[in-house]
Amino acid sequence: MEWVLDITETERLLADNPELATSLQHRNTYLGPLNYIQARLLKMVREEQADDGIENPWRKPLLRTINAIAAGMRNTG
């Protein structure tokens, strides 16, 4: 981060775009907990991998966190 600040000759990230900086700050409030929940759900999906054809109960909530994080980042990739 120090290198980026040196190259851009600014003291903070997004100094030239305070609206975006504020928007990202607000989104991070929600994305942090969602990332934690997603990691936990991923662990649960992996622990409960059934070979008997039964739908994993943690799969849909995991997919919802993926969609929510992508929407929060305003990016699908």
PDB file of N, CA and C in Angstrom:
ATOM      1  N   MET A   1       0.823  -1.177   0.000  1.00  0.00           N
ATOM      2  CA  MET A   1       0.000   0.000   0.000  1.00  0.00           C
ATOM      3  C   MET A   1       0.878   1.256   0.000  1.00  0.00           C
ATOM      4  N   GLU A   2       1.988   1.178   0.713  1.00  0.00           N
ATOM      5  CA  GLU A   2       2.894   2.335   0.741  1.00  0.00           C
ATOM      6  C   GLU A   2       3.384   2.680  -0.657  1.00  0.00           C
ATOM      7  N   TRP A   3       3.668   1.656  -1.454  1.00  0.00           N
ATOM      8  CA  TRP A   3       4.155   1.894  -2.822  1.00  0.00           C
ATOM      9  C   TRP A   3       3.088   2.587  -3.660  1.00  0.00           C
ATOM     10  N   VAL A   4       1.851   2.146  -3.526  1.00  0.00           N
ATOM     11  CA  VAL A   4       0.759   2.756  -4.283  1.00  0.00           C
ATOM     12  C   VAL A   4       0.624   4.228  -3.901  1.00  0.00           C
ATOM     13  N   LEU A   5       0.681   4.496  -2.609  1.00  0.00           N
ATOM     14  CA  LEU A   5       0.588   5.883  -2.157  1.00  0.00           C
ATOM     15  C   LEU A   5       1.759   6.719  -2.659  1.00  0.00           C
ATOM     16  N   ASP A   6       2.947   6.142  -2.685  1.00  0.00           N
ATOM     17  CA  ASP A   6       4.112   6.860  -3.209  1.00  0.00           C
ATOM     18  C   ASP A   6       3.951   7.154  -4.697  1.00  0.00           C
ATOM     19  N   ILE A   7       3.515   6.153  -5.450  1.00  0.00           N
ATOM     20  CA  ILE A   7       3.365   6.320  -6.893  1.00  0.00           C
ATOM     21  C   ILE A   7       2.291   7.349  -7.222  1.00  0.00           C
ATOM     22  N   THR A   8       1.175   7.294  -6.498  1.00  0.00           N
ATOM     23  CA  THR A   8       0.067   8.222  -6.766  1.00  0.00           C
ATOM     24  C   THR A   8       0.260   9.578  -6.102  1.00  0.00           C
ATOM     25  N   GLU A   9       1.295   9.660  -5.296  1.00  0.00           N
ATOM     26  CA  GLU A   9       1.614  10.901  -4.579  1.00  0.00           C
ATOM     27  C   GLU A   9       0.427  11.415  -3.763  1.00  0.00           C
ATOM     28  N   THR A  10      -0.180  10.489  -3.017  1.00  0.00           N
ATOM     29  CA  THR A  10      -1.293  10.837  -2.130  1.00  0.00           C
ATOM     30  C   THR A  10      -1.007  10.290  -0.742  1.00  0.00           C
ATOM     31  N   GLU A  11      -1.757  10.779   0.229  1.00  0.00           N
ATOM     32  CA  GLU A  11      -1.578  10.326   1.604  1.00  0.00           C
ATOM     33  C   GLU A  11      -2.543   9.211   1.990  1.00  0.00           C
ATOM     34  N   ARG A  12      -3.609   9.048   1.200  1.00  0.00           N
ATOM     35  CA  ARG A  12      -4.577   7.992   1.493  1.00  0.00           C
ATOM     36  C   ARG A  12      -5.164   7.472   0.186  1.00  0.00           C
ATOM     37  N   LEU A  13      -5.647   6.248   0.239  1.00  0.00           N
ATOM     38  CA  LEU A  13      -6.252   5.643  -0.941  1.00  0.00           C
ATOM     39  C   LEU A  13      -7.532   6.373  -1.306  1.00  0.00           C
ATOM     40  N   LEU A  14      -7.801   6.471  -2.579  1.00  0.00           N
ATOM     41  CA  LEU A  14      -8.991   7.116  -3.125  1.00  0.00           C
ATOM     42  C   LEU A  14      -9.130   8.573  -2.684  1.00  0.00           C
ATOM     43  N   ALA A  15      -8.009   9.242  -2.491  1.00  0.00           N
ATOM     44  CA  ALA A  15      -8.041  10.645  -2.086  1.00  0.00           C
ATOM     45  C   ALA A  15      -8.746  11.503  -3.129  1.00  0.00           C
ATOM     46  N   ASP A  16      -8.654  11.096  -4.384  1.00  0.00           N
ATOM     47  CA  ASP A  16      -9.279  11.879  -5.458  1.00  0.00           C
ATOM     48  C   ASP A  16     -10.750  11.507  -5.689  1.00  0.00           C
ATOM     49  N   ASN A  17     -11.256  10.506  -4.954  1.00  0.00           N
ATOM     50  CA  ASN A  17     -12.641  10.067  -5.136  1.00  0.00           C
ATOM     51  C   ASN A  17     -13.266   9.765  -3.768  1.00  0.00           C
ATOM     52  N   PRO A  18     -13.557  10.795  -2.983  1.00  0.00           N
ATOM     53  CA  PRO A  18     -14.081  10.564  -1.633  1.00  0.00           C
ATOM     54  C   PRO A  18     -15.441   9.864  -1.608  1.00  0.00           C
ATOM     55  N   GLU A  19     -16.257  10.056  -2.650  1.00  0.00           N
ATOM     56  CA  GLU A  19     -17.557   9.381  -2.692  1.00  0.00           C
ATOM     57  C   GLU A  19     -17.382   7.871  -2.756  1.00  0.00           C
ATOM     58  N   LEU A  20     -16.463   7.422  -3.603  1.00  0.00           N
ATOM     59  CA  LEU A  20     -16.205   5.986  -3.707  1.00  0.00           C
ATOM     60  C   LEU A  20     -15.602   5.462  -2.414  1.00  0.00           C
ATOM     61  N   ALA A  21     -14.703   6.222  -1.814  1.00  0.00           N
ATOM     62  CA  ALA A  21     -14.094   5.795  -0.552  1.00  0.00           C
ATOM     63  C   ALA A  21     -15.157   5.599   0.519  1.00  0.00           C
ATOM     64  N   THR A  22     -16.101   6.515   0.611  1.00  0.00           N
ATOM     65  CA  THR A  22     -17.186   6.409   1.596  1.00  0.00           C
ATOM     66  C   THR A  22     -18.065   5.203   1.298  1.00  0.00           C
ATOM     67  N   SER A  23     -18.377   5.001   0.022  1.00  0.00           N
ATOM     68  CA  SER A  23     -19.208   3.867  -0.378  1.00  0.00           C
ATOM     69  C   SER A  23     -18.535   2.547  -0.007  1.00  0.00           C
ATOM     70  N   LEU A  24     -17.248   2.431  -0.285  1.00  0.00           N
ATOM     71  CA  LEU A  24     -16.512   1.205   0.040  1.00  0.00           C
ATOM     72  C   LEU A  24     -16.452   0.983   1.546  1.00  0.00           C
ATOM     73  N   GLN A  25     -16.291   2.049   2.280  1.00  0.00           N
ATOM     74  CA  GLN A  25     -16.244   1.947   3.734  1.00  0.00           C
ATOM     75  C   GLN A  25     -17.574   1.410   4.278  1.00  0.00           C
ATOM     76  N   HIS A  26     -18.674   1.903   3.753  1.00  0.00           N
ATOM     77  CA  HIS A  26     -19.994   1.422   4.187  1.00  0.00           C
ATOM     78  C   HIS A  26     -20.190  -0.041   3.811  1.00  0.00           C
ATOM     79  N   ARG A  27     -19.774  -0.406   2.611  1.00  0.00           N
ATOM     80  CA  ARG A  27     -19.948  -1.795   2.169  1.00  0.00           C
ATOM     81  C   ARG A  27     -19.110  -2.753   3.006  1.00  0.00           C
ATOM     82  N   ASN A  28     -17.897  -2.337   3.385  1.00  0.00           N
ATOM     83  CA  ASN A  28     -17.023  -3.213   4.163  1.00  0.00           C
ATOM     84  C   ASN A  28     -17.623  -3.568   5.513  1.00  0.00           C
ATOM     85  N   THR A  29     -18.479  -2.725   6.034  1.00  0.00           N
ATOM     86  CA  THR A  29     -19.170  -3.002   7.294  1.00  0.00           C
ATOM     87  C   THR A  29     -19.971  -4.299   7.184  1.00  0.00           C
ATOM     88  N   TYR A  30     -20.539  -4.536   6.013  1.00  0.00           N
ATOM     89  CA  TYR A  30     -21.353  -5.734   5.796  1.00  0.00           C
ATOM     90  C   TYR A  30     -20.554  -6.886   5.201  1.00  0.00           C
ATOM     91  N   LEU A  31     -19.564  -6.572   4.389  1.00  0.00           N
ATOM     92  CA  LEU A  31     -18.818  -7.623   3.707  1.00  0.00           C
ATOM     93  C   LEU A  31     -17.928  -8.422   4.663  1.00  0.00           C
ATOM     94  N   GLY A  32     -17.402  -7.787   5.693  1.00  0.00           N
ATOM     95  CA  GLY A  32     -16.567  -8.506   6.664  1.00  0.00           C
ATOM     96  C   GLY A  32     -17.311  -9.658   7.308  1.00  0.00           C
ATOM     97  N   PRO A  33     -18.455  -9.398   7.922  1.00  0.00           N
ATOM     98  CA  PRO A  33     -19.215 -10.506   8.512  1.00  0.00           C
ATOM     99  C   PRO A  33     -19.669 -11.545   7.481  1.00  0.00           C
ATOM    100  N   LEU A  34     -20.034 -11.087   6.288  1.00  0.00           N
ATOM    101  CA  LEU A  34     -20.438 -12.043   5.247  1.00  0.00           C
ATOM    102  C   LEU A  34     -19.288 -12.966   4.861  1.00  0.00           C
ATOM    103  N   ASN A  35     -18.079 -12.438   4.807  1.00  0.00           N
ATOM    104  CA  ASN A  35     -16.910 -13.274   4.501  1.00  0.00           C
ATOM    105  C   ASN A  35     -16.705 -14.330   5.578  1.00  0.00           C
ATOM    106  N   TYR A  36     -16.882 -13.938   6.828  1.00  0.00           N
ATOM    107  CA  TYR A  36     -16.753 -14.888   7.935  1.00  0.00           C
ATOM    108  C   TYR A  36     -17.813 -15.983   7.829  1.00  0.00           C
ATOM    109  N   ILE A  37     -19.057 -15.578   7.592  1.00  0.00           N
ATOM    110  CA  ILE A  37     -20.154 -16.541   7.463  1.00  0.00           C
ATOM    111  C   ILE A  37     -19.894 -17.476   6.287  1.00  0.00           C
ATOM    112  N   GLN A  38     -19.418 -16.925   5.177  1.00  0.00           N
ATOM    113  CA  GLN A  38     -19.144 -17.736   4.002  1.00  0.00           C
ATOM    114  C   GLN A  38     -18.071 -18.785   4.288  1.00  0.00           C
ATOM    115  N   ALA A  39     -17.016 -18.393   4.974  1.00  0.00           N
ATOM    116  CA  ALA A  39     -15.949 -19.347   5.300  1.00  0.00           C
ATOM    117  C   ALA A  39     -16.486 -20.468   6.181  1.00  0.00           C
ATOM    118  N   ARG A  40     -17.323 -20.121   7.135  1.00  0.00           N
ATOM    119  CA  ARG A  40     -17.919 -21.127   8.025  1.00  0.00           C
ATOM    120  C   ARG A  40     -18.837 -22.080   7.247  1.00  0.00           C
ATOM    121  N   LEU A  41     -19.660 -21.510   6.360  1.00  0.00           N
ATOM    122  CA  LEU A  41     -20.553 -22.347   5.554  1.00  0.00           C
ATOM    123  C   LEU A  41     -19.771 -23.255   4.616  1.00  0.00           C
ATOM    124  N   LEU A  42     -18.695 -22.762   4.062  1.00  0.00           N
ATOM    125  CA  LEU A  42     -17.869 -23.592   3.183  1.00  0.00           C
ATOM    126  C   LEU A  42     -17.321 -24.791   3.953  1.00  0.00           C
ATOM    127  N   LYS A  43     -16.883 -24.548   5.169  1.00  0.00           N
ATOM    128  CA  LYS A  43     -16.401 -25.644   6.017  1.00  0.00           C
ATOM    129  C   LYS A  43     -17.511 -26.653   6.273  1.00  0.00           C
ATOM    130  N   MET A  44     -18.712 -26.156   6.544  1.00  0.00           N
ATOM    131  CA  MET A  44     -19.840 -27.040   6.830  1.00  0.00           C
ATOM    132  C   MET A  44     -20.234 -27.852   5.592  1.00  0.00           C
ATOM    133  N   VAL A  45     -20.199 -27.227   4.431  1.00  0.00           N
ATOM    134  CA  VAL A  45     -20.506 -27.945   3.190  1.00  0.00           C
ATOM    135  C   VAL A  45     -19.503 -29.065   2.979  1.00  0.00           C
ATOM    136  N   ARG A  46     -18.244 -28.763   3.189  1.00  0.00           N
ATOM    137  CA  ARG A  46     -17.197 -29.784   2.993  1.00  0.00           C
ATOM    138  C   ARG A  46     -17.303 -30.921   4.002  1.00  0.00           C
ATOM    139  N   GLU A  47     -17.681 -30.594   5.230  1.00  0.00           N
ATOM    140  CA  GLU A  47     -17.813 -31.631   6.264  1.00  0.00           C
ATOM    141  C   GLU A  47     -19.001 -32.547   6.026  1.00  0.00           C
ATOM    142  N   GLU A  48     -20.036 -32.049   5.371  1.00  0.00           N
ATOM    143  CA  GLU A  48     -21.262 -32.810   5.195  1.00  0.00           C
ATOM    144  C   GLU A  48     -21.471 -33.221   3.743  1.00  0.00           C
ATOM    145  N   GLN A  49     -20.407 -33.570   3.074  1.00  0.00           N
ATOM    146  CA  GLN A  49     -20.544 -34.027   1.695  1.00  0.00           C
ATOM    147  C   GLN A  49     -21.120 -35.436   1.706  1.00  0.00           C
ATOM    148  N   ALA A  50     -22.332 -35.528   1.232  1.00  0.00           N
ATOM    149  CA  ALA A  50     -23.030 -36.814   1.204  1.00  0.00           C
ATOM    150  C   ALA A  50     -22.935 -37.425  -0.182  1.00  0.00           C
ATOM    151  N   ASP A  51     -22.649 -38.708  -0.221  1.00  0.00           N
ATOM    152  CA  ASP A  51     -22.564 -39.412  -1.493  1.00  0.00           C
ATOM    153  C   ASP A  51     -23.875 -40.116  -1.834  1.00  0.00           C
ATOM    154  N   ASP A  52     -24.869 -39.978  -0.985  1.00  0.00           N
ATOM    155  CA  ASP A  52     -26.122 -40.697  -1.187  1.00  0.00           C
ATOM    156  C   ASP A  52     -27.155 -39.908  -1.983  1.00  0.00           C
ATOM    157  N   GLY A  53     -26.746 -38.802  -2.600  1.00  0.00           N
ATOM    158  CA  GLY A  53     -27.654 -38.031  -3.436  1.00  0.00           C
ATOM    159  C   GLY A  53     -28.510 -37.028  -2.693  1.00  0.00           C
ATOM    160  N   ILE A  54     -28.380 -36.950  -1.379  1.00  0.00           N
ATOM    161  CA  ILE A  54     -29.162 -35.998  -0.589  1.00  0.00           C
ATOM    162  C   ILE A  54     -28.542 -34.610  -0.735  1.00  0.00           C
ATOM    163  N   GLU A  55     -29.409 -33.612  -0.936  1.00  0.00           N
ATOM    164  CA  GLU A  55     -28.954 -32.222  -1.077  1.00  0.00           C
ATOM    165  C   GLU A  55     -28.296 -31.768   0.228  1.00  0.00           C
ATOM    166  N   ASN A  56     -27.133 -31.172   0.101  1.00  0.00           N
ATOM    167  CA  ASN A  56     -26.431 -30.635   1.260  1.00  0.00           C
ATOM    168  C   ASN A  56     -27.192 -29.403   1.773  1.00  0.00           C
ATOM    169  N   PRO A  57     -27.599 -29.387   3.052  1.00  0.00           N
ATOM    170  CA  PRO A  57     -28.409 -28.274   3.563  1.00  0.00           C
ATOM    171  C   PRO A  57     -27.662 -26.946   3.633  1.00  0.00           C
ATOM    172  N   TRP A  58     -26.346 -26.979   3.558  1.00  0.00           N
ATOM    173  CA  TRP A  58     -25.544 -25.764   3.664  1.00  0.00           C
ATOM    174  C   TRP A  58     -25.205 -25.161   2.310  1.00  0.00           C
ATOM    175  N   ARG A  59     -25.517 -25.862   1.236  1.00  0.00           N
ATOM    176  CA  ARG A  59     -25.155 -25.398  -0.103  1.00  0.00           C
ATOM    177  C   ARG A  59     -25.878 -24.101  -0.490  1.00  0.00           C
ATOM    178  N   LYS A  60     -27.194 -24.046  -0.301  1.00  0.00           N
ATOM    179  CA  LYS A  60     -27.947 -22.845  -0.686  1.00  0.00           C
ATOM    180  C   LYS A  60     -27.539 -21.615   0.126  1.00  0.00           C
ATOM    181  N   PRO A  61     -27.393 -21.729   1.456  1.00  0.00           N
ATOM    182  CA  PRO A  61     -26.909 -20.557   2.194  1.00  0.00           C
ATOM    183  C   PRO A  61     -25.515 -20.110   1.739  1.00  0.00           C
ATOM    184  N   LEU A  62     -24.649 -21.071   1.394  1.00  0.00           N
ATOM    185  CA  LEU A  62     -23.322 -20.722   0.887  1.00  0.00           C
ATOM    186  C   LEU A  62     -23.429 -19.933  -0.416  1.00  0.00           C
ATOM    187  N   LEU A  63     -24.279 -20.398  -1.325  1.00  0.00           N
ATOM    188  CA  LEU A  63     -24.463 -19.696  -2.595  1.00  0.00           C
ATOM    189  C   LEU A  63     -25.042 -18.299  -2.385  1.00  0.00           C
ATOM    190  N   ARG A  64     -25.892 -18.154  -1.381  1.00  0.00           N
ATOM    191  CA  ARG A  64     -26.445 -16.822  -1.075  1.00  0.00           C
ATOM    192  C   ARG A  64     -25.355 -15.867  -0.605  1.00  0.00           C
ATOM    193  N   THR A  65     -24.400 -16.382   0.192  1.00  0.00           N
ATOM    194  CA  THR A  65     -23.308 -15.502   0.636  1.00  0.00           C
ATOM    195  C   THR A  65     -22.431 -15.105  -0.544  1.00  0.00           C
ATOM    196  N   ILE A  66     -22.239 -16.015  -1.481  1.00  0.00           N
ATOM    197  CA  ILE A  66     -21.442 -15.697  -2.680  1.00  0.00           C
ATOM    198  C   ILE A  66     -22.116 -14.571  -3.451  1.00  0.00           C
ATOM    199  N   ASN A  67     -23.420 -14.691  -3.648  1.00  0.00           N
ATOM    200  CA  ASN A  67     -24.172 -13.646  -4.354  1.00  0.00           C
ATOM    201  C   ASN A  67     -24.163 -12.332  -3.590  1.00  0.00           C
ATOM    202  N   ALA A  68     -24.319 -12.391  -2.273  1.00  0.00           N
ATOM    203  CA  ALA A  68     -24.349 -11.171  -1.474  1.00  0.00           C
ATOM    204  C   ALA A  68     -23.010 -10.443  -1.499  1.00  0.00           C
ATOM    205  N   ILE A  69     -21.922 -11.181  -1.417  1.00  0.00           N
ATOM    206  CA  ILE A  69     -20.598 -10.564  -1.462  1.00  0.00           C
ATOM    207  C   ILE A  69     -20.331  -9.967  -2.835  1.00  0.00           C
ATOM    208  N   ALA A  70     -20.708 -10.683  -3.889  1.00  0.00           N
ATOM    209  CA  ALA A  70     -20.532 -10.146  -5.250  1.00  0.00           C
ATOM    210  C   ALA A  70     -21.340  -8.864  -5.424  1.00  0.00           C
ATOM    211  N   ALA A  71     -22.557  -8.854  -4.906  1.00  0.00           N
ATOM    212  CA  ALA A  71     -23.393  -7.654  -5.017  1.00  0.00           C
ATOM    213  C   ALA A  71     -22.796  -6.512  -4.204  1.00  0.00           C
ATOM    214  N   GLY A  72     -22.296  -6.819  -3.033  1.00  0.00           N
ATOM    215  CA  GLY A  72     -21.693  -5.798  -2.188  1.00  0.00           C
ATOM    216  C   GLY A  72     -20.440  -5.207  -2.786  1.00  0.00           C
ATOM    217  N   MET A  73     -19.705  -6.040  -3.519  1.00  0.00           N
ATOM    218  CA  MET A  73     -18.491  -5.546  -4.174  1.00  0.00           C
ATOM    219  C   MET A  73     -18.813  -4.905  -5.515  1.00  0.00           C
ATOM    220  N   ARG A  74     -20.077  -5.076  -5.922  1.00  0.00           N
ATOM    221  CA  ARG A  74     -20.526  -4.624  -7.239  1.00  0.00           C
ATOM    222  C   ARG A  74     -19.677  -5.239  -8.353  1.00  0.00           C
ATOM    223  N   ASN A  75     -19.463  -6.514  -8.186  1.00  0.00           N
ATOM    224  CA  ASN A  75     -18.639  -7.253  -9.126  1.00  0.00           C
ATOM    225  C   ASN A  75     -19.029  -8.719  -9.038  1.00  0.00           C
ATOM    226  N   THR A  76     -19.049  -9.403 -10.150  1.00  0.00           N
ATOM    227  CA  THR A  76     -19.379 -10.819 -10.137  1.00  0.00           C
ATOM    228  C   THR A  76     -18.149 -11.680 -10.347  1.00  0.00           C
ATOM    229  N   GLY A  77     -16.997 -11.101 -10.431  1.00  0.00           N
ATOM    230  CA  GLY A  77     -15.794 -11.875 -10.712  1.00  0.00           C
ATOM    231  C   GLY A  77     -14.832 -11.819  -9.665  1.00  0.00           C
TER     232      GLY A  77
END
